[in-house]
Amino acid sequence: MDFHVYHNSVSNRFEANVNSGLCELDYEKVGMGTLDYKRTFVPENSRHQGFGHKLVQEALEYAKEEQYRVKPTCPFVKSVIEEDKERYRDVVV
């Protein structure tokens, strides 16, 4: 399945469509140059297929490219960062 992540800057969210609905990662801008990744959601029928992981990775790569720091409030975001600490250490607040 083609999985394309879209940055919806109006809604402060990263999104991706899957067969069962919309995957989301909500964030909030906090302070100068910091994004708080607050919540991820994957529709129940699409869970455990790697969609959430890919969504978080794309959002973290966005932060790196745009030189934002990330506050990982969402436990799932924290877990993805923990899996690849070396890659994301410079991004995390």
PDB file of N, CA and C in Angstrom:
ATOM      1  N   MET A   1       0.838  -1.188   0.000  1.00  0.00           N
ATOM      2  CA  MET A   1       0.000   0.000   0.000  1.00  0.00           C
ATOM      3  C   MET A   1       0.881   1.249   0.000  1.00  0.00           C
ATOM      4  N   ASP A   2       0.490   2.209  -0.809  1.00  0.00           N
ATOM      5  CA  ASP A   2       1.195   3.482  -0.862  1.00  0.00           C
ATOM      6  C   ASP A   2       0.837   4.286   0.391  1.00  0.00           C
ATOM      7  N   PHE A   3       1.843   4.719   1.114  1.00  0.00           N
ATOM      8  CA  PHE A   3       1.626   5.443   2.368  1.00  0.00           C
ATOM      9  C   PHE A   3       2.346   6.769   2.260  1.00  0.00           C
ATOM     10  N   HIS A   4       1.580   7.821   2.025  1.00  0.00           N
ATOM     11  CA  HIS A   4       2.151   9.152   1.861  1.00  0.00           C
ATOM     12  C   HIS A   4       1.744  10.035   3.030  1.00  0.00           C
ATOM     13  N   VAL A   5       2.721  10.618   3.705  1.00  0.00           N
ATOM     14  CA  VAL A   5       2.464  11.495   4.845  1.00  0.00           C
ATOM     15  C   VAL A   5       2.358  12.925   4.350  1.00  0.00           C
ATOM     16  N   TYR A   6       1.310  13.584   4.772  1.00  0.00           N
ATOM     17  CA  TYR A   6       1.051  14.973   4.406  1.00  0.00           C
ATOM     18  C   TYR A   6       1.130  15.840   5.650  1.00  0.00           C
ATOM     19  N   HIS A   7       1.853  16.955   5.565  1.00  0.00           N
ATOM     20  CA  HIS A   7       1.924  17.883   6.689  1.00  0.00           C
ATOM     21  C   HIS A   7       0.799  18.898   6.546  1.00  0.00           C
ATOM     22  N   ASN A   8      -0.198  18.797   7.400  1.00  0.00           N
ATOM     23  CA  ASN A   8      -1.333  19.715   7.417  1.00  0.00           C
ATOM     24  C   ASN A   8      -1.001  20.814   8.426  1.00  0.00           C
ATOM     25  N   SER A   9      -0.328  21.854   7.956  1.00  0.00           N
ATOM     26  CA  SER A   9       0.139  22.911   8.861  1.00  0.00           C
ATOM     27  C   SER A   9      -1.007  23.758   9.408  1.00  0.00           C
ATOM     28  N   VAL A  10      -2.139  23.774   8.731  1.00  0.00           N
ATOM     29  CA  VAL A  10      -3.309  24.524   9.219  1.00  0.00           C
ATOM     30  C   VAL A  10      -3.866  23.864  10.481  1.00  0.00           C
ATOM     31  N   SER A  11      -3.889  22.531  10.479  1.00  0.00           N
ATOM     32  CA  SER A  11      -4.424  21.775  11.625  1.00  0.00           C
ATOM     33  C   SER A  11      -3.350  21.322  12.602  1.00  0.00           C
ATOM     34  N   ASN A  12      -2.087  21.683  12.345  1.00  0.00           N
ATOM     35  CA  ASN A  12      -0.965  21.225  13.179  1.00  0.00           C
ATOM     36  C   ASN A  12      -0.977  19.706  13.318  1.00  0.00           C
ATOM     37  N   ARG A  13      -0.898  19.060  12.159  1.00  0.00           N
ATOM     38  CA  ARG A  13      -1.003  17.607  12.161  1.00  0.00           C
ATOM     39  C   ARG A  13      -0.298  17.027  10.939  1.00  0.00           C
ATOM     40  N   PHE A  14       0.287  15.853  11.132  1.00  0.00           N
ATOM     41  CA  PHE A  14       0.775  15.042  10.029  1.00  0.00           C
ATOM     42  C   PHE A  14      -0.287  13.985   9.786  1.00  0.00           C
ATOM     43  N   GLU A  15      -0.602  13.723   8.515  1.00  0.00           N
ATOM     44  CA  GLU A  15      -1.700  12.820   8.180  1.00  0.00           C
ATOM     45  C   GLU A  15      -1.283  11.856   7.078  1.00  0.00           C
ATOM     46  N   ALA A  16      -1.931  10.704   7.072  1.00  0.00           N
ATOM     47  CA  ALA A  16      -1.754   9.737   5.992  1.00  0.00           C
ATOM     48  C   ALA A  16      -3.032   8.918   5.879  1.00  0.00           C
ATOM     49  N   ASN A  17      -3.511   8.758   4.670  1.00  0.00           N
ATOM     50  CA  ASN A  17      -4.713   7.955   4.436  1.00  0.00           C
ATOM     51  C   ASN A  17      -4.353   6.484   4.307  1.00  0.00           C
ATOM     52  N   VAL A  18      -5.145   5.651   4.955  1.00  0.00           N
ATOM     53  CA  VAL A  18      -5.059   4.204   4.814  1.00  0.00           C
ATOM     54  C   VAL A  18      -6.464   3.710   4.501  1.00  0.00           C
ATOM     55  N   ASN A  19      -6.600   2.447   4.150  1.00  0.00           N
ATOM     56  CA  ASN A  19      -7.911   1.915   3.764  1.00  0.00           C
ATOM     57  C   ASN A  19      -8.994   2.158   4.802  1.00  0.00           C
ATOM     58  N   SER A  20      -8.646   2.087   6.071  1.00  0.00           N
ATOM     59  CA  SER A  20      -9.661   2.190   7.119  1.00  0.00           C
ATOM     60  C   SER A  20      -9.821   3.598   7.678  1.00  0.00           C
ATOM     61  N   GLY A  21      -9.148   4.591   7.088  1.00  0.00           N
ATOM     62  CA  GLY A  21      -9.322   5.957   7.583  1.00  0.00           C
ATOM     63  C   GLY A  21      -8.044   6.775   7.553  1.00  0.00           C
ATOM     64  N   LEU A  22      -7.952   7.687   8.498  1.00  0.00           N
ATOM     65  CA  LEU A  22      -6.857   8.653   8.530  1.00  0.00           C
ATOM     66  C   LEU A  22      -5.937   8.407   9.727  1.00  0.00           C
ATOM     67  N   CYS A  23      -4.640   8.246   9.449  1.00  0.00           N
ATOM     68  CA  CYS A  23      -3.632   8.195  10.506  1.00  0.00           C
ATOM     69  C   CYS A  23      -3.244   9.634  10.810  1.00  0.00           C
ATOM     70  N   GLU A  24      -3.015   9.945  12.082  1.00  0.00           N
ATOM     71  CA  GLU A  24      -2.731  11.322  12.473  1.00  0.00           C
ATOM     72  C   GLU A  24      -1.647  11.389  13.531  1.00  0.00           C
ATOM     73  N   LEU A  25      -0.856  12.453  13.465  1.00  0.00           N
ATOM     74  CA  LEU A  25       0.062  12.810  14.537  1.00  0.00           C
ATOM     75  C   LEU A  25      -0.162  14.297  14.785  1.00  0.00           C
ATOM     76  N   ASP A  26      -0.764  14.610  15.924  1.00  0.00           N
ATOM     77  CA  ASP A  26      -1.066  15.995  16.287  1.00  0.00           C
ATOM     78  C   ASP A  26       0.114  16.612  17.017  1.00  0.00           C
ATOM     79  N   TYR A  27       0.362  17.881  16.713  1.00  0.00           N
ATOM     80  CA  TYR A  27       1.431  18.589  17.407  1.00  0.00           C
ATOM     81  C   TYR A  27       0.995  19.998  17.750  1.00  0.00           C
ATOM     82  N   GLU A  28       1.781  20.608  18.616  1.00  0.00           N
ATOM     83  CA  GLU A  28       1.553  21.995  19.010  1.00  0.00           C
ATOM     84  C   GLU A  28       2.897  22.704  18.985  1.00  0.00           C
ATOM     85  N   LYS A  29       2.910  23.927  18.470  1.00  0.00           N
ATOM     86  CA  LYS A  29       4.132  24.727  18.518  1.00  0.00           C
ATOM     87  C   LYS A  29       4.265  25.291  19.923  1.00  0.00           C
ATOM     88  N   VAL A  30       5.400  24.999  20.551  1.00  0.00           N
ATOM     89  CA  VAL A  30       5.647  25.490  21.910  1.00  0.00           C
ATOM     90  C   VAL A  30       6.991  26.189  21.926  1.00  0.00           C
ATOM     91  N   GLY A  31       6.984  27.441  22.239  1.00  0.00           N
ATOM     92  CA  GLY A  31       8.241  28.182  22.253  1.00  0.00           C
ATOM     93  C   GLY A  31       8.777  28.370  20.855  1.00  0.00           C
ATOM     94  N   MET A  32       9.942  28.957  20.798  1.00  0.00           N
ATOM     95  CA  MET A  32      10.580  29.246  19.522  1.00  0.00           C
ATOM     96  C   MET A  32      11.273  27.995  18.988  1.00  0.00           C
ATOM     97  N   GLY A  33      10.814  27.491  17.854  1.00  0.00           N
ATOM     98  CA  GLY A  33      11.484  26.378  17.207  1.00  0.00           C
ATOM     99  C   GLY A  33      11.270  25.018  17.830  1.00  0.00           C
ATOM    100  N   THR A  34      10.191  24.847  18.613  1.00  0.00           N
ATOM    101  CA  THR A  34       9.925  23.550  19.239  1.00  0.00           C
ATOM    102  C   THR A  34       8.512  23.086  18.911  1.00  0.00           C
ATOM    103  N   LEU A  35       8.403  21.809  18.550  1.00  0.00           N
ATOM    104  CA  LEU A  35       7.117  21.188  18.295  1.00  0.00           C
ATOM    105  C   LEU A  35       6.879  20.109  19.342  1.00  0.00           C
ATOM    106  N   ASP A  36       5.717  20.144  19.965  1.00  0.00           N
ATOM    107  CA  ASP A  36       5.329  19.116  20.930  1.00  0.00           C
ATOM    108  C   ASP A  36       4.480  18.090  20.179  1.00  0.00           C
ATOM    109  N   TYR A  37       5.050  16.898  19.957  1.00  0.00           N
ATOM    110  CA  TYR A  37       4.309  15.822  19.296  1.00  0.00           C
ATOM    111  C   TYR A  37       3.443  15.163  20.367  1.00  0.00           C
ATOM    112  N   LYS A  38       2.163  15.484  20.336  1.00  0.00           N
ATOM    113  CA  LYS A  38       1.250  15.194  21.435  1.00  0.00           C
ATOM    114  C   LYS A  38       0.507  13.865  21.337  1.00  0.00           C
ATOM    115  N   ARG A  39       0.055  13.495  20.132  1.00  0.00           N
ATOM    116  CA  ARG A  39      -0.834  12.331  20.043  1.00  0.00           C
ATOM    117  C   ARG A  39      -0.730  11.705  18.661  1.00  0.00           C
ATOM    118  N   THR A  40      -0.688  10.390  18.634  1.00  0.00           N
ATOM    119  CA  THR A  40      -0.784   9.674  17.361  1.00  0.00           C
ATOM    120  C   THR A  40      -2.046   8.835  17.369  1.00  0.00           C
ATOM    121  N   PHE A  41      -2.590   8.639  16.170  1.00  0.00           N
ATOM    122  CA  PHE A  41      -3.780   7.809  16.025  1.00  0.00           C
ATOM    123  C   PHE A  41      -3.691   7.053  14.717  1.00  0.00           C
ATOM    124  N   VAL A  42      -3.965   5.750  14.797  1.00  0.00           N
ATOM    125  CA  VAL A  42      -4.086   4.898  13.609  1.00  0.00           C
ATOM    126  C   VAL A  42      -5.417   4.160  13.755  1.00  0.00           C
ATOM    127  N   PRO A  43      -6.258   4.152  12.714  1.00  0.00           N
ATOM    128  CA  PRO A  43      -7.531   3.428  12.801  1.00  0.00           C
ATOM    129  C   PRO A  43      -7.309   1.975  13.221  1.00  0.00           C
ATOM    130  N   GLU A  44      -8.227   1.482  14.012  1.00  0.00           N
ATOM    131  CA  GLU A  44      -8.075   0.151  14.615  1.00  0.00           C
ATOM    132  C   GLU A  44      -7.756  -0.940  13.595  1.00  0.00           C
ATOM    133  N   ASN A  45      -8.430  -0.935  12.461  1.00  0.00           N
ATOM    134  CA  ASN A  45      -8.205  -1.981  11.453  1.00  0.00           C
ATOM    135  C   ASN A  45      -6.855  -1.872  10.752  1.00  0.00           C
ATOM    136  N   SER A  46      -6.144  -0.781  10.969  1.00  0.00           N
ATOM    137  CA  SER A  46      -4.842  -0.586  10.316  1.00  0.00           C
ATOM    138  C   SER A  46      -3.676  -0.625  11.300  1.00  0.00           C
ATOM    139  N   ARG A  47      -3.957  -0.956  12.540  1.00  0.00           N
ATOM    140  CA  ARG A  47      -2.887  -0.995  13.548  1.00  0.00           C
ATOM    141  C   ARG A  47      -2.010  -2.229  13.360  1.00  0.00           C
ATOM    142  N   HIS A  48      -0.803  -2.163  13.892  1.00  0.00           N
ATOM    143  CA  HIS A  48       0.176  -3.258  13.871  1.00  0.00           C
ATOM    144  C   HIS A  48       0.623  -3.598  12.450  1.00  0.00           C
ATOM    145  N   GLN A  49       0.607  -2.594  11.571  1.00  0.00           N
ATOM    146  CA  GLN A  49       1.074  -2.782  10.196  1.00  0.00           C
ATOM    147  C   GLN A  49       2.210  -1.805   9.865  1.00  0.00           C
ATOM    148  N   GLY A  50       2.679  -1.067  10.874  1.00  0.00           N
ATOM    149  CA  GLY A  50       3.804  -0.164  10.674  1.00  0.00           C
ATOM    150  C   GLY A  50       3.427   1.247  10.259  1.00  0.00           C
ATOM    151  N   PHE A  51       2.137   1.539  10.125  1.00  0.00           N
ATOM    152  CA  PHE A  51       1.712   2.863   9.685  1.00  0.00           C
ATOM    153  C   PHE A  51       2.049   3.947  10.709  1.00  0.00           C
ATOM    154  N   GLY A  52       1.808   3.679  11.969  1.00  0.00           N
ATOM    155  CA  GLY A  52       2.110   4.647  13.019  1.00  0.00           C
ATOM    156  C   GLY A  52       3.600   4.939  13.087  1.00  0.00           C
ATOM    157  N   HIS A  53       4.393   3.903  12.976  1.00  0.00           N
ATOM    158  CA  HIS A  53       5.848   4.031  13.014  1.00  0.00           C
ATOM    159  C   HIS A  53       6.325   4.913  11.861  1.00  0.00           C
ATOM    160  N   LYS A  54       5.823   4.647  10.676  1.00  0.00           N
ATOM    161  CA  LYS A  54       6.212   5.423   9.492  1.00  0.00           C
ATOM    162  C   LYS A  54       5.765   6.880   9.635  1.00  0.00           C
ATOM    163  N   LEU A  55       4.582   7.100  10.163  1.00  0.00           N
ATOM    164  CA  LEU A  55       4.059   8.450  10.381  1.00  0.00           C
ATOM    165  C   LEU A  55       4.974   9.240  11.306  1.00  0.00           C
ATOM    166  N   VAL A  56       5.369   8.622  12.405  1.00  0.00           N
ATOM    167  CA  VAL A  56       6.255   9.286  13.375  1.00  0.00           C
ATOM    168  C   VAL A  56       7.623   9.553  12.749  1.00  0.00           C
ATOM    169  N   GLN A  57       8.163   8.588  12.037  1.00  0.00           N
ATOM    170  CA  GLN A  57       9.463   8.790  11.389  1.00  0.00           C
ATOM    171  C   GLN A  57       9.419   9.977  10.429  1.00  0.00           C
ATOM    172  N   GLU A  58       8.369  10.063   9.635  1.00  0.00           N
ATOM    173  CA  GLU A  58       8.248  11.179   8.685  1.00  0.00           C
ATOM    174  C   GLU A  58       8.148  12.516   9.427  1.00  0.00           C
ATOM    175  N   ALA A  59       7.410  12.547  10.534  1.00  0.00           N
ATOM    176  CA  ALA A  59       7.265  13.777  11.321  1.00  0.00           C
ATOM    177  C   ALA A  59       8.603  14.170  11.958  1.00  0.00           C
ATOM    178  N   LEU A  60       9.373  13.192  12.404  1.00  0.00           N
ATOM    179  CA  LEU A  60      10.687  13.477  12.980  1.00  0.00           C
ATOM    180  C   LEU A  60      11.659  13.974  11.915  1.00  0.00           C
ATOM    181  N   GLU A  61      11.585  13.389  10.734  1.00  0.00           N
ATOM    182  CA  GLU A  61      12.442  13.844   9.635  1.00  0.00           C
ATOM    183  C   GLU A  61      12.080  15.273   9.234  1.00  0.00           C
ATOM    184  N   TYR A  62      10.805  15.591   9.249  1.00  0.00           N
ATOM    185  CA  TYR A  62      10.368  16.962   8.971  1.00  0.00           C
ATOM    186  C   TYR A  62      11.014  17.914   9.977  1.00  0.00           C
ATOM    187  N   ALA A  63      10.950  17.564  11.246  1.00  0.00           N
ATOM    188  CA  ALA A  63      11.532  18.413  12.289  1.00  0.00           C
ATOM    189  C   ALA A  63      13.030  18.607  12.053  1.00  0.00           C
ATOM    190  N   LYS A  64      13.732  17.533  11.705  1.00  0.00           N
ATOM    191  CA  LYS A  64      15.169  17.643  11.435  1.00  0.00           C
ATOM    192  C   LYS A  64      15.436  18.577  10.265  1.00  0.00           C
ATOM    193  N   GLU A  65      14.717  18.377   9.182  1.00  0.00           N
ATOM    194  CA  GLU A  65      14.931  19.180   7.971  1.00  0.00           C
ATOM    195  C   GLU A  65      14.626  20.657   8.201  1.00  0.00           C
ATOM    196  N   GLU A  66      13.607  20.934   8.991  1.00  0.00           N
ATOM    197  CA  GLU A  66      13.185  22.316   9.226  1.00  0.00           C
ATOM    198  C   GLU A  66      13.856  22.929  10.465  1.00  0.00           C
ATOM    199  N   GLN A  67      14.748  22.161  11.074  1.00  0.00           N
ATOM    200  CA  GLN A  67      15.515  22.592  12.246  1.00  0.00           C
ATOM    201  C   GLN A  67      14.630  22.933  13.451  1.00  0.00           C
ATOM    202  N   TYR A  68      13.618  22.099  13.654  1.00  0.00           N
ATOM    203  CA  TYR A  68      12.808  22.184  14.861  1.00  0.00           C
ATOM    204  C   TYR A  68      13.352  21.212  15.891  1.00  0.00           C
ATOM    205  N   ARG A  69      13.073  21.487  17.135  1.00  0.00           N
ATOM    206  CA  ARG A  69      13.295  20.527  18.215  1.00  0.00           C
ATOM    207  C   ARG A  69      11.947  19.898  18.517  1.00  0.00           C
ATOM    208  N   VAL A  70      11.954  18.673  19.005  1.00  0.00           N
ATOM    209  CA  VAL A  70      10.716  17.944  19.283  1.00  0.00           C
ATOM    210  C   VAL A  70      10.622  17.595  20.758  1.00  0.00           C
ATOM    211  N   LYS A  71       9.487  17.920  21.327  1.00  0.00           N
ATOM    212  CA  LYS A  71       9.131  17.468  22.675  1.00  0.00           C
ATOM    213  C   LYS A  71       8.192  16.283  22.474  1.00  0.00           C
ATOM    214  N   PRO A  72       8.629  15.067  22.795  1.00  0.00           N
ATOM    215  CA  PRO A  72       7.810  13.885  22.522  1.00  0.00           C
ATOM    216  C   PRO A  72       6.847  13.553  23.674  1.00  0.00           C
ATOM    217  N   THR A  73       5.754  14.292  23.768  1.00  0.00           N
ATOM    218  CA  THR A  73       4.763  14.034  24.810  1.00  0.00           C
ATOM    219  C   THR A  73       4.057  12.697  24.590  1.00  0.00           C
ATOM    220  N   CYS A  74       3.785  12.368  23.339  1.00  0.00           N
ATOM    221  CA  CYS A  74       3.098  11.114  23.008  1.00  0.00           C
ATOM    222  C   CYS A  74       4.004   9.918  23.312  1.00  0.00           C
ATOM    223  N   PRO A  75       3.514   8.949  24.082  1.00  0.00           N
ATOM    224  CA  PRO A  75       4.326   7.766  24.411  1.00  0.00           C
ATOM    225  C   PRO A  75       4.781   6.979  23.180  1.00  0.00           C
ATOM    226  N   PHE A  76       3.957   6.938  22.145  1.00  0.00           N
ATOM    227  CA  PHE A  76       4.342   6.204  20.940  1.00  0.00           C
ATOM    228  C   PHE A  76       5.500   6.902  20.239  1.00  0.00           C
ATOM    229  N   VAL A  77       5.462   8.223  20.178  1.00  0.00           N
ATOM    230  CA  VAL A  77       6.569   8.979  19.590  1.00  0.00           C
ATOM    231  C   VAL A  77       7.845   8.703  20.377  1.00  0.00           C
ATOM    232  N   LYS A  78       7.749   8.707  21.701  1.00  0.00           N
ATOM    233  CA  LYS A  78       8.911   8.392  22.544  1.00  0.00           C
ATOM    234  C   LYS A  78       9.481   7.022  22.207  1.00  0.00           C
ATOM    235  N   SER A  79       8.613   6.048  22.004  1.00  0.00           N
ATOM    236  CA  SER A  79       9.078   4.686  21.724  1.00  0.00           C
ATOM    237  C   SER A  79       9.804   4.606  20.381  1.00  0.00           C
ATOM    238  N   VAL A  80       9.340   5.334  19.382  1.00  0.00           N
ATOM    239  CA  VAL A  80      10.015   5.340  18.086  1.00  0.00           C
ATOM    240  C   VAL A  80      11.392   5.998  18.217  1.00  0.00           C
ATOM    241  N   ILE A  81      11.462   7.081  18.976  1.00  0.00           N
ATOM    242  CA  ILE A  81      12.745   7.755  19.207  1.00  0.00           C
ATOM    243  C   ILE A  81      13.710   6.818  19.931  1.00  0.00           C
ATOM    244  N   GLU A  82      13.212   6.093  20.918  1.00  0.00           N
ATOM    245  CA  GLU A  82      14.059   5.156  21.675  1.00  0.00           C
ATOM    246  C   GLU A  82      14.652   4.072  20.781  1.00  0.00           C
ATOM    247  N   GLU A  83      13.925   3.663  19.759  1.00  0.00           N
ATOM    248  CA  GLU A  83      14.406   2.632  18.844  1.00  0.00           C
ATOM    249  C   GLU A  83      15.609   3.101  18.030  1.00  0.00           C
ATOM    250  N   ASP A  84      15.708   4.393  17.825  1.00  0.00           N
ATOM    251  CA  ASP A  84      16.797   4.934  17.001  1.00  0.00           C
ATOM    252  C   ASP A  84      17.325   6.223  17.636  1.00  0.00           C
ATOM    253  N   LYS A  85      17.786   6.095  18.877  1.00  0.00           N
ATOM    254  CA  LYS A  85      18.251   7.257  19.660  1.00  0.00           C
ATOM    255  C   LYS A  85      19.322   8.061  18.938  1.00  0.00           C
ATOM    256  N   GLU A  86      20.244   7.367  18.317  1.00  0.00           N
ATOM    257  CA  GLU A  86      21.360   8.039  17.654  1.00  0.00           C
ATOM    258  C   GLU A  86      20.871   8.963  16.539  1.00  0.00           C
ATOM    259  N   ARG A  87      19.918   8.496  15.780  1.00  0.00           N
ATOM    260  CA  ARG A  87      19.412   9.276  14.645  1.00  0.00           C
ATOM    261  C   ARG A  87      18.660  10.529  15.085  1.00  0.00           C
ATOM    262  N   TYR A  88      17.935  10.447  16.209  1.00  0.00           N
ATOM    263  CA  TYR A  88      17.053  11.536  16.612  1.00  0.00           C
ATOM    264  C   TYR A  88      17.528  12.314  17.832  1.00  0.00           C
ATOM    265  N   ARG A  89      18.701  12.004  18.353  1.00  0.00           N
ATOM    266  CA  ARG A  89      19.159  12.663  19.589  1.00  0.00           C
ATOM    267  C   ARG A  89      19.253  14.177  19.464  1.00  0.00           C
ATOM    268  N   ASP A  90      19.616  14.684  18.285  1.00  0.00           N
ATOM    269  CA  ASP A  90      19.766  16.128  18.108  1.00  0.00           C
ATOM    270  C   ASP A  90      18.438  16.855  17.929  1.00  0.00           C
ATOM    271  N   VAL A  91      17.379  16.102  17.719  1.00  0.00           N
ATOM    272  CA  VAL A  91      16.056  16.679  17.493  1.00  0.00           C
ATOM    273  C   VAL A  91      15.260  16.802  18.787  1.00  0.00           C
ATOM    274  N   VAL A  92      15.498  15.901  19.722  1.00  0.00           N
ATOM    275  CA  VAL A  92      14.687  15.828  20.945  1.00  0.00           C
ATOM    276  C   VAL A  92      15.089  16.880  21.947  1.00  0.00           C
ATOM    277  N   VAL A  93      14.069  17.511  22.547  1.00  0.00           N
ATOM    278  CA  VAL A  93      14.299  18.511  23.609  1.00  0.00           C
ATOM    279  C   VAL A  93      14.734  17.776  24.850  1.00  0.00           C
TER     280      VAL A  93
END
